[in-house]
Amino acid sequence: MTPDQIRTRIEQLMQKSPLSGLSDDLRLMIKSQLQSLLTSADLVTREEFEVQAESLRRTQSKLLELEEKLTQLEQAD
């Protein structure tokens, strides 16, 4: 998410939440804290997550194949 998307989403959440009745100063403080937290978080897109998950599945599959081959070679000796 871009910083603008984060700001927009926080605005939407603040308007729909019970926090909407709080004073402007308090809402501004909470909004600022949320924005700081989300901006500093190390987030990835769903697409990036899926690519990494598929890579991990392939790696695990290859590892299982290699372990089986190693077991067969050890038994052959």
PDB file of N, CA and C in Angstrom:
ATOM      1  N   MET A   1       0.837  -1.182   0.000  1.00  0.00           N
ATOM      2  CA  MET A   1       0.000   0.000   0.000  1.00  0.00           C
ATOM      3  C   MET A   1       0.881   1.245   0.000  1.00  0.00           C
ATOM      4  N   THR A   2       0.435   2.223  -0.723  1.00  0.00           N
ATOM      5  CA  THR A   2       1.160   3.480  -0.741  1.00  0.00           C
ATOM      6  C   THR A   2       0.734   4.311   0.461  1.00  0.00           C
ATOM      7  N   PRO A   3       1.533   5.305   0.835  1.00  0.00           N
ATOM      8  CA  PRO A   3       1.147   6.160   1.961  1.00  0.00           C
ATOM      9  C   PRO A   3      -0.220   6.829   1.762  1.00  0.00           C
ATOM     10  N   ASP A   4      -0.538   7.212   0.535  1.00  0.00           N
ATOM     11  CA  ASP A   4      -1.853   7.829   0.283  1.00  0.00           C
ATOM     12  C   ASP A   4      -2.978   6.826   0.491  1.00  0.00           C
ATOM     13  N   GLN A   5      -2.769   5.594   0.061  1.00  0.00           N
ATOM     14  CA  GLN A   5      -3.777   4.557   0.270  1.00  0.00           C
ATOM     15  C   GLN A   5      -3.959   4.279   1.757  1.00  0.00           C
ATOM     16  N   ILE A   6      -2.864   4.299   2.496  1.00  0.00           N
ATOM     17  CA  ILE A   6      -2.933   4.085   3.944  1.00  0.00           C
ATOM     18  C   ILE A   6      -3.730   5.209   4.592  1.00  0.00           C
ATOM     19  N   ARG A   7      -3.422   6.453   4.214  1.00  0.00           N
ATOM     20  CA  ARG A   7      -4.152   7.594   4.774  1.00  0.00           C
ATOM     21  C   ARG A   7      -5.643   7.498   4.469  1.00  0.00           C
ATOM     22  N   THR A   8      -5.973   7.162   3.239  1.00  0.00           N
ATOM     23  CA  THR A   8      -7.381   7.047   2.837  1.00  0.00           C
ATOM     24  C   THR A   8      -8.081   5.964   3.637  1.00  0.00           C
ATOM     25  N   ARG A   9      -7.423   4.828   3.786  1.00  0.00           N
ATOM     26  CA  ARG A   9      -8.027   3.720   4.533  1.00  0.00           C
ATOM     27  C   ARG A   9      -8.219   4.081   6.001  1.00  0.00           C
ATOM     28  N   ILE A  10      -7.258   4.766   6.578  1.00  0.00           N
ATOM     29  CA  ILE A  10      -7.389   5.188   7.973  1.00  0.00           C
ATOM     30  C   ILE A  10      -8.566   6.150   8.121  1.00  0.00           C
ATOM     31  N   GLU A  11      -8.706   7.079   7.194  1.00  0.00           N
ATOM     32  CA  GLU A  11      -9.835   8.019   7.217  1.00  0.00           C
ATOM     33  C   GLU A  11     -11.158   7.261   7.184  1.00  0.00           C
ATOM     34  N   GLN A  12     -11.253   6.270   6.300  1.00  0.00           N
ATOM     35  CA  GLN A  12     -12.479   5.484   6.190  1.00  0.00           C
ATOM     36  C   GLN A  12     -12.775   4.746   7.487  1.00  0.00           C
ATOM     37  N   LEU A  13     -11.751   4.140   8.061  1.00  0.00           N
ATOM     38  CA  LEU A  13     -11.931   3.408   9.316  1.00  0.00           C
ATOM     39  C   LEU A  13     -12.334   4.337  10.457  1.00  0.00           C
ATOM     40  N   MET A  14     -11.709   5.489  10.516  1.00  0.00           N
ATOM     41  CA  MET A  14     -12.026   6.444  11.583  1.00  0.00           C
ATOM     42  C   MET A  14     -13.471   6.932  11.472  1.00  0.00           C
ATOM     43  N   GLN A  15     -13.974   7.131  10.263  1.00  0.00           N
ATOM     44  CA  GLN A  15     -15.339   7.612  10.070  1.00  0.00           C
ATOM     45  C   GLN A  15     -16.369   6.557  10.462  1.00  0.00           C
ATOM     46  N   LYS A  16     -16.040   5.292  10.261  1.00  0.00           N
ATOM     47  CA  LYS A  16     -16.976   4.204  10.532  1.00  0.00           C
ATOM     48  C   LYS A  16     -16.873   3.666  11.955  1.00  0.00           C
ATOM     49  N   SER A  17     -15.839   4.038  12.675  1.00  0.00           N
ATOM     50  CA  SER A  17     -15.601   3.460  13.996  1.00  0.00           C
ATOM     51  C   SER A  17     -16.275   4.284  15.092  1.00  0.00           C
ATOM     52  N   PRO A  18     -16.347   3.704  16.278  1.00  0.00           N
ATOM     53  CA  PRO A  18     -16.875   4.450  17.422  1.00  0.00           C
ATOM     54  C   PRO A  18     -15.998   5.654  17.776  1.00  0.00           C
ATOM     55  N   LEU A  19     -14.789   5.698  17.221  1.00  0.00           N
ATOM     56  CA  LEU A  19     -13.881   6.801  17.502  1.00  0.00           C
ATOM     57  C   LEU A  19     -14.322   8.095  16.817  1.00  0.00           C
ATOM     58  N   SER A  20     -15.291   8.006  15.927  1.00  0.00           N
ATOM     59  CA  SER A  20     -15.704   9.196  15.185  1.00  0.00           C
ATOM     60  C   SER A  20     -16.311  10.264  16.105  1.00  0.00           C
ATOM     61  N   GLY A  21     -16.781   9.870  17.285  1.00  0.00           N
ATOM     62  CA  GLY A  21     -17.368  10.819  18.214  1.00  0.00           C
ATOM     63  C   GLY A  21     -16.356  11.490  19.130  1.00  0.00           C
ATOM     64  N   LEU A  22     -15.095  11.146  19.021  1.00  0.00           N
ATOM     65  CA  LEU A  22     -14.061  11.727  19.879  1.00  0.00           C
ATOM     66  C   LEU A  22     -13.705  13.134  19.421  1.00  0.00           C
ATOM     67  N   SER A  23     -13.028  13.846  20.279  1.00  0.00           N
ATOM     68  CA  SER A  23     -12.606  15.197  19.932  1.00  0.00           C
ATOM     69  C   SER A  23     -11.633  15.152  18.756  1.00  0.00           C
ATOM     70  N   ASP A  24     -11.555  16.261  18.031  1.00  0.00           N
ATOM     71  CA  ASP A  24     -10.678  16.331  16.869  1.00  0.00           C
ATOM     72  C   ASP A  24      -9.224  16.098  17.235  1.00  0.00           C
ATOM     73  N   ASP A  25      -8.787  16.634  18.368  1.00  0.00           N
ATOM     74  CA  ASP A  25      -7.398  16.452  18.797  1.00  0.00           C
ATOM     75  C   ASP A  25      -7.080  14.983  19.070  1.00  0.00           C
ATOM     76  N   LEU A  26      -7.984  14.327  19.747  1.00  0.00           N
ATOM     77  CA  LEU A  26      -7.776  12.916  20.071  1.00  0.00           C
ATOM     78  C   LEU A  26      -7.819  12.065  18.803  1.00  0.00           C
ATOM     79  N   ARG A  27      -8.746  12.351  17.921  1.00  0.00           N
ATOM     80  CA  ARG A  27      -8.824  11.623  16.644  1.00  0.00           C
ATOM     81  C   ARG A  27      -7.559  11.829  15.821  1.00  0.00           C
ATOM     82  N   LEU A  28      -7.043  13.040  15.809  1.00  0.00           N
ATOM     83  CA  LEU A  28      -5.825  13.347  15.065  1.00  0.00           C
ATOM     84  C   LEU A  28      -4.641  12.567  15.627  1.00  0.00           C
ATOM     85  N   MET A  29      -4.576  12.479  16.950  1.00  0.00           N
ATOM     86  CA  MET A  29      -3.494  11.733  17.591  1.00  0.00           C
ATOM     87  C   MET A  29      -3.585  10.244  17.241  1.00  0.00           C
ATOM     88  N   ILE A  30      -4.777   9.682  17.327  1.00  0.00           N
ATOM     89  CA  ILE A  30      -4.955   8.260  17.002  1.00  0.00           C
ATOM     90  C   ILE A  30      -4.645   8.006  15.536  1.00  0.00           C
ATOM     91  N   LYS A  31      -5.132   8.879  14.674  1.00  0.00           N
ATOM     92  CA  LYS A  31      -4.881   8.748  13.239  1.00  0.00           C
ATOM     93  C   LYS A  31      -3.388   8.794  12.951  1.00  0.00           C
ATOM     94  N   SER A  32      -2.692   9.709  13.593  1.00  0.00           N
ATOM     95  CA  SER A  32      -1.258   9.836  13.395  1.00  0.00           C
ATOM     96  C   SER A  32      -0.527   8.576  13.841  1.00  0.00           C
ATOM     97  N   GLN A  33      -0.922   8.011  14.977  1.00  0.00           N
ATOM     98  CA  GLN A  33      -0.295   6.799  15.485  1.00  0.00           C
ATOM     99  C   GLN A  33      -0.555   5.608  14.556  1.00  0.00           C
ATOM    100  N   LEU A  34      -1.786   5.491  14.074  1.00  0.00           N
ATOM    101  CA  LEU A  34      -2.113   4.403  13.148  1.00  0.00           C
ATOM    102  C   LEU A  34      -1.325   4.524  11.853  1.00  0.00           C
ATOM    103  N   GLN A  35      -1.258   5.738  11.334  1.00  0.00           N
ATOM    104  CA  GLN A  35      -0.532   5.969  10.092  1.00  0.00           C
ATOM    105  C   GLN A  35       0.945   5.625  10.263  1.00  0.00           C
ATOM    106  N   SER A  36       1.519   6.041  11.368  1.00  0.00           N
ATOM    107  CA  SER A  36       2.927   5.748  11.641  1.00  0.00           C
ATOM    108  C   SER A  36       3.156   4.245  11.746  1.00  0.00           C
ATOM    109  N   LEU A  37       2.266   3.560  12.434  1.00  0.00           N
ATOM    110  CA  LEU A  37       2.377   2.116  12.608  1.00  0.00           C
ATOM    111  C   LEU A  37       2.282   1.389  11.268  1.00  0.00           C
ATOM    112  N   LEU A  38       1.294   1.737  10.469  1.00  0.00           N
ATOM    113  CA  LEU A  38       1.108   1.064   9.183  1.00  0.00           C
ATOM    114  C   LEU A  38       2.202   1.407   8.182  1.00  0.00           C
ATOM    115  N   THR A  39       2.682   2.635   8.209  1.00  0.00           N
ATOM    116  CA  THR A  39       3.734   3.037   7.275  1.00  0.00           C
ATOM    117  C   THR A  39       5.039   2.330   7.600  1.00  0.00           C
ATOM    118  N   SER A  40       5.316   2.141   8.874  1.00  0.00           N
ATOM    119  CA  SER A  40       6.579   1.509   9.260  1.00  0.00           C
ATOM    120  C   SER A  40       6.519  -0.017   9.204  1.00  0.00           C
ATOM    121  N   ALA A  41       5.311  -0.577   9.087  1.00  0.00           N
ATOM    122  CA  ALA A  41       5.173  -2.033   9.026  1.00  0.00           C
ATOM    123  C   ALA A  41       5.755  -2.555   7.710  1.00  0.00           C
ATOM    124  N   ASP A  42       6.335  -3.705   7.785  1.00  0.00           N
ATOM    125  CA  ASP A  42       6.945  -4.320   6.610  1.00  0.00           C
ATOM    126  C   ASP A  42       5.893  -5.201   5.934  1.00  0.00           C
ATOM    127  N   LEU A  43       5.031  -4.573   5.130  1.00  0.00           N
ATOM    128  CA  LEU A  43       3.923  -5.275   4.493  1.00  0.00           C
ATOM    129  C   LEU A  43       4.247  -5.611   3.046  1.00  0.00           C
ATOM    130  N   VAL A  44       3.661  -6.682   2.553  1.00  0.00           N
ATOM    131  CA  VAL A  44       3.814  -7.045   1.149  1.00  0.00           C
ATOM    132  C   VAL A  44       2.426  -7.167   0.528  1.00  0.00           C
ATOM    133  N   THR A  45       2.384  -7.054  -0.786  1.00  0.00           N
ATOM    134  CA  THR A  45       1.105  -7.209  -1.479  1.00  0.00           C
ATOM    135  C   THR A  45       0.724  -8.682  -1.508  1.00  0.00           C
ATOM    136  N   ARG A  46      -0.537  -8.938  -1.782  1.00  0.00           N
ATOM    137  CA  ARG A  46      -1.025 -10.304  -1.877  1.00  0.00           C
ATOM    138  C   ARG A  46      -0.284 -11.048  -2.995  1.00  0.00           C
ATOM    139  N   GLU A  47      -0.044 -10.347  -4.100  1.00  0.00           N
ATOM    140  CA  GLU A  47       0.664 -10.947  -5.229  1.00  0.00           C
ATOM    141  C   GLU A  47       2.076 -11.365  -4.820  1.00  0.00           C
ATOM    142  N   GLU A  48       2.787 -10.492  -4.115  1.00  0.00           N
ATOM    143  CA  GLU A  48       4.138 -10.832  -3.660  1.00  0.00           C
ATOM    144  C   GLU A  48       4.106 -12.027  -2.714  1.00  0.00           C
ATOM    145  N   PHE A  49       3.099 -12.058  -1.847  1.00  0.00           N
ATOM    146  CA  PHE A  49       2.948 -13.171  -0.907  1.00  0.00           C
ATOM    147  C   PHE A  49       2.732 -14.473  -1.660  1.00  0.00           C
ATOM    148  N   GLU A  50       1.853 -14.451  -2.660  1.00  0.00           N
ATOM    149  CA  GLU A  50       1.562 -15.654  -3.436  1.00  0.00           C
ATOM    150  C   GLU A  50       2.803 -16.158  -4.178  1.00  0.00           C
ATOM    151  N   VAL A  51       3.583 -15.237  -4.738  1.00  0.00           N
ATOM    152  CA  VAL A  51       4.810 -15.618  -5.443  1.00  0.00           C
ATOM    153  C   VAL A  51       5.774 -16.301  -4.477  1.00  0.00           C
ATOM    154  N   GLN A  52       5.943 -15.733  -3.294  1.00  0.00           N
ATOM    155  CA  GLN A  52       6.841 -16.317  -2.299  1.00  0.00           C
ATOM    156  C   GLN A  52       6.318 -17.658  -1.792  1.00  0.00           C
ATOM    157  N   ALA A  53       5.004 -17.760  -1.623  1.00  0.00           N
ATOM    158  CA  ALA A  53       4.413 -19.015  -1.152  1.00  0.00           C
ATOM    159  C   ALA A  53       4.629 -20.120  -2.185  1.00  0.00           C
ATOM    160  N   GLU A  54       4.453 -19.805  -3.466  1.00  0.00           N
ATOM    161  CA  GLU A  54       4.679 -20.792  -4.519  1.00  0.00           C
ATOM    162  C   GLU A  54       6.151 -21.204  -4.568  1.00  0.00           C
ATOM    163  N   SER A  55       7.038 -20.255  -4.415  1.00  0.00           N
ATOM    164  CA  SER A  55       8.469 -20.556  -4.387  1.00  0.00           C
ATOM    165  C   SER A  55       8.789 -21.490  -3.225  1.00  0.00           C
ATOM    166  N   LEU A  56       8.199 -21.237  -2.087  1.00  0.00           N
ATOM    167  CA  LEU A  56       8.411 -22.096  -0.923  1.00  0.00           C
ATOM    168  C   LEU A  56       7.877 -23.503  -1.173  1.00  0.00           C
ATOM    169  N   ARG A  57       6.698 -23.619  -1.793  1.00  0.00           N
ATOM    170  CA  ARG A  57       6.147 -24.942  -2.104  1.00  0.00           C
ATOM    171  C   ARG A  57       7.085 -25.721  -3.034  1.00  0.00           C
ATOM    172  N   ARG A  58       7.612 -25.050  -4.052  1.00  0.00           N
ATOM    173  CA  ARG A  58       8.543 -25.724  -4.975  1.00  0.00           C
ATOM    174  C   ARG A  58       9.813 -26.158  -4.246  1.00  0.00           C
ATOM    175  N   THR A  59      10.314 -25.302  -3.383  1.00  0.00           N
ATOM    176  CA  THR A  59      11.530 -25.617  -2.631  1.00  0.00           C
ATOM    177  C   THR A  59      11.299 -26.798  -1.702  1.00  0.00           C
ATOM    178  N   GLN A  60      10.154 -26.820  -1.028  1.00  0.00           N
ATOM    179  CA  GLN A  60       9.846 -27.940  -0.135  1.00  0.00           C
ATOM    180  C   GLN A  60       9.721 -29.243  -0.913  1.00  0.00           C
ATOM    181  N   SER A  61       9.104 -29.185  -2.077  1.00  0.00           N
ATOM    182  CA  SER A  61       8.953 -30.363  -2.917  1.00  0.00           C
ATOM    183  C   SER A  61      10.322 -30.885  -3.351  1.00  0.00           C
ATOM    184  N   LYS A  62      11.171 -29.986  -3.792  1.00  0.00           N
ATOM    185  CA  LYS A  62      12.520 -30.370  -4.221  1.00  0.00           C
ATOM    186  C   LYS A  62      13.312 -30.969  -3.055  1.00  0.00           C
ATOM    187  N   LEU A  63      13.168 -30.376  -1.874  1.00  0.00           N
ATOM    188  CA  LEU A  63      13.856 -30.896  -0.691  1.00  0.00           C
ATOM    189  C   LEU A  63      13.401 -32.313  -0.377  1.00  0.00           C
ATOM    190  N   LEU A  64      12.102 -32.570  -0.462  1.00  0.00           N
ATOM    191  CA  LEU A  64      11.600 -33.920  -0.215  1.00  0.00           C
ATOM    192  C   LEU A  64      12.173 -34.919  -1.227  1.00  0.00           C
ATOM    193  N   GLU A  65      12.235 -34.506  -2.495  1.00  0.00           N
ATOM    194  CA  GLU A  65      12.823 -35.374  -3.521  1.00  0.00           C
ATOM    195  C   GLU A  65      14.280 -35.694  -3.197  1.00  0.00           C
ATOM    196  N   LEU A  66      15.034 -34.681  -2.827  1.00  0.00           N
ATOM    197  CA  LEU A  66      16.447 -34.886  -2.513  1.00  0.00           C
ATOM    198  C   LEU A  66      16.629 -35.767  -1.286  1.00  0.00           C
ATOM    199  N   GLU A  67      15.771 -35.597  -0.279  1.00  0.00           N
ATOM    200  CA  GLU A  67      15.848 -36.441   0.912  1.00  0.00           C
ATOM    201  C   GLU A  67      15.572 -37.893   0.561  1.00  0.00           C
ATOM    202  N   GLU A  68      14.589 -38.111  -0.325  1.00  0.00           N
ATOM    203  CA  GLU A  68      14.277 -39.479  -0.741  1.00  0.00           C
ATOM    204  C   GLU A  68      15.452 -40.093  -1.514  1.00  0.00           C
ATOM    205  N   LYS A  69      16.060 -39.330  -2.396  1.00  0.00           N
ATOM    206  CA  LYS A  69      17.214 -39.811  -3.149  1.00  0.00           C
ATOM    207  C   LYS A  69      18.366 -40.140  -2.219  1.00  0.00           C
ATOM    208  N   LEU A  70      18.597 -39.277  -1.235  1.00  0.00           N
ATOM    209  CA  LEU A  70      19.671 -39.508  -0.274  1.00  0.00           C
ATOM    210  C   LEU A  70      19.421 -40.785   0.512  1.00  0.00           C
ATOM    211  N   THR A  71      18.196 -40.995   0.934  1.00  0.00           N
ATOM    212  CA  THR A  71      17.829 -42.216   1.665  1.00  0.00           C
ATOM    213  C   THR A  71      18.084 -43.456   0.804  1.00  0.00           C
ATOM    214  N   GLN A  72      17.703 -43.366  -0.467  1.00  0.00           N
ATOM    215  CA  GLN A  72      17.925 -44.498  -1.387  1.00  0.00           C
ATOM    216  C   GLN A  72      19.423 -44.763  -1.564  1.00  0.00           C
ATOM    217  N   LEU A  73      20.195 -43.727  -1.713  1.00  0.00           N
ATOM    218  CA  LEU A  73      21.656 -43.897  -1.894  1.00  0.00           C
ATOM    219  C   LEU A  73      22.292 -44.478  -0.637  1.00  0.00           C
ATOM    220  N   GLU A  74      21.829 -44.034   0.532  1.00  0.00           N
ATOM    221  CA  GLU A  74      22.385 -44.558   1.785  1.00  0.00           C
ATOM    222  C   GLU A  74      22.038 -46.042   1.940  1.00  0.00           C
ATOM    223  N   GLN A  75      20.852 -46.427   1.508  1.00  0.00           N
ATOM    224  CA  GLN A  75      20.426 -47.836   1.638  1.00  0.00           C
ATOM    225  C   GLN A  75      21.149 -48.718   0.616  1.00  0.00           C
ATOM    226  N   ALA A  76      21.542 -48.126  -0.516  1.00  0.00           N
ATOM    227  CA  ALA A  76      22.231 -48.895  -1.558  1.00  0.00           C
ATOM    228  C   ALA A  76      23.645 -49.255  -1.140  1.00  0.00           C
ATOM    229  N   ASP A  77      24.238 -48.495  -0.260  1.00  0.00           N
ATOM    230  CA  ASP A  77      25.623 -48.765   0.172  1.00  0.00           C
ATOM    231  C   ASP A  77      25.724 -49.819   1.209  1.00  0.00           C
TER     232      ASP A  77
END
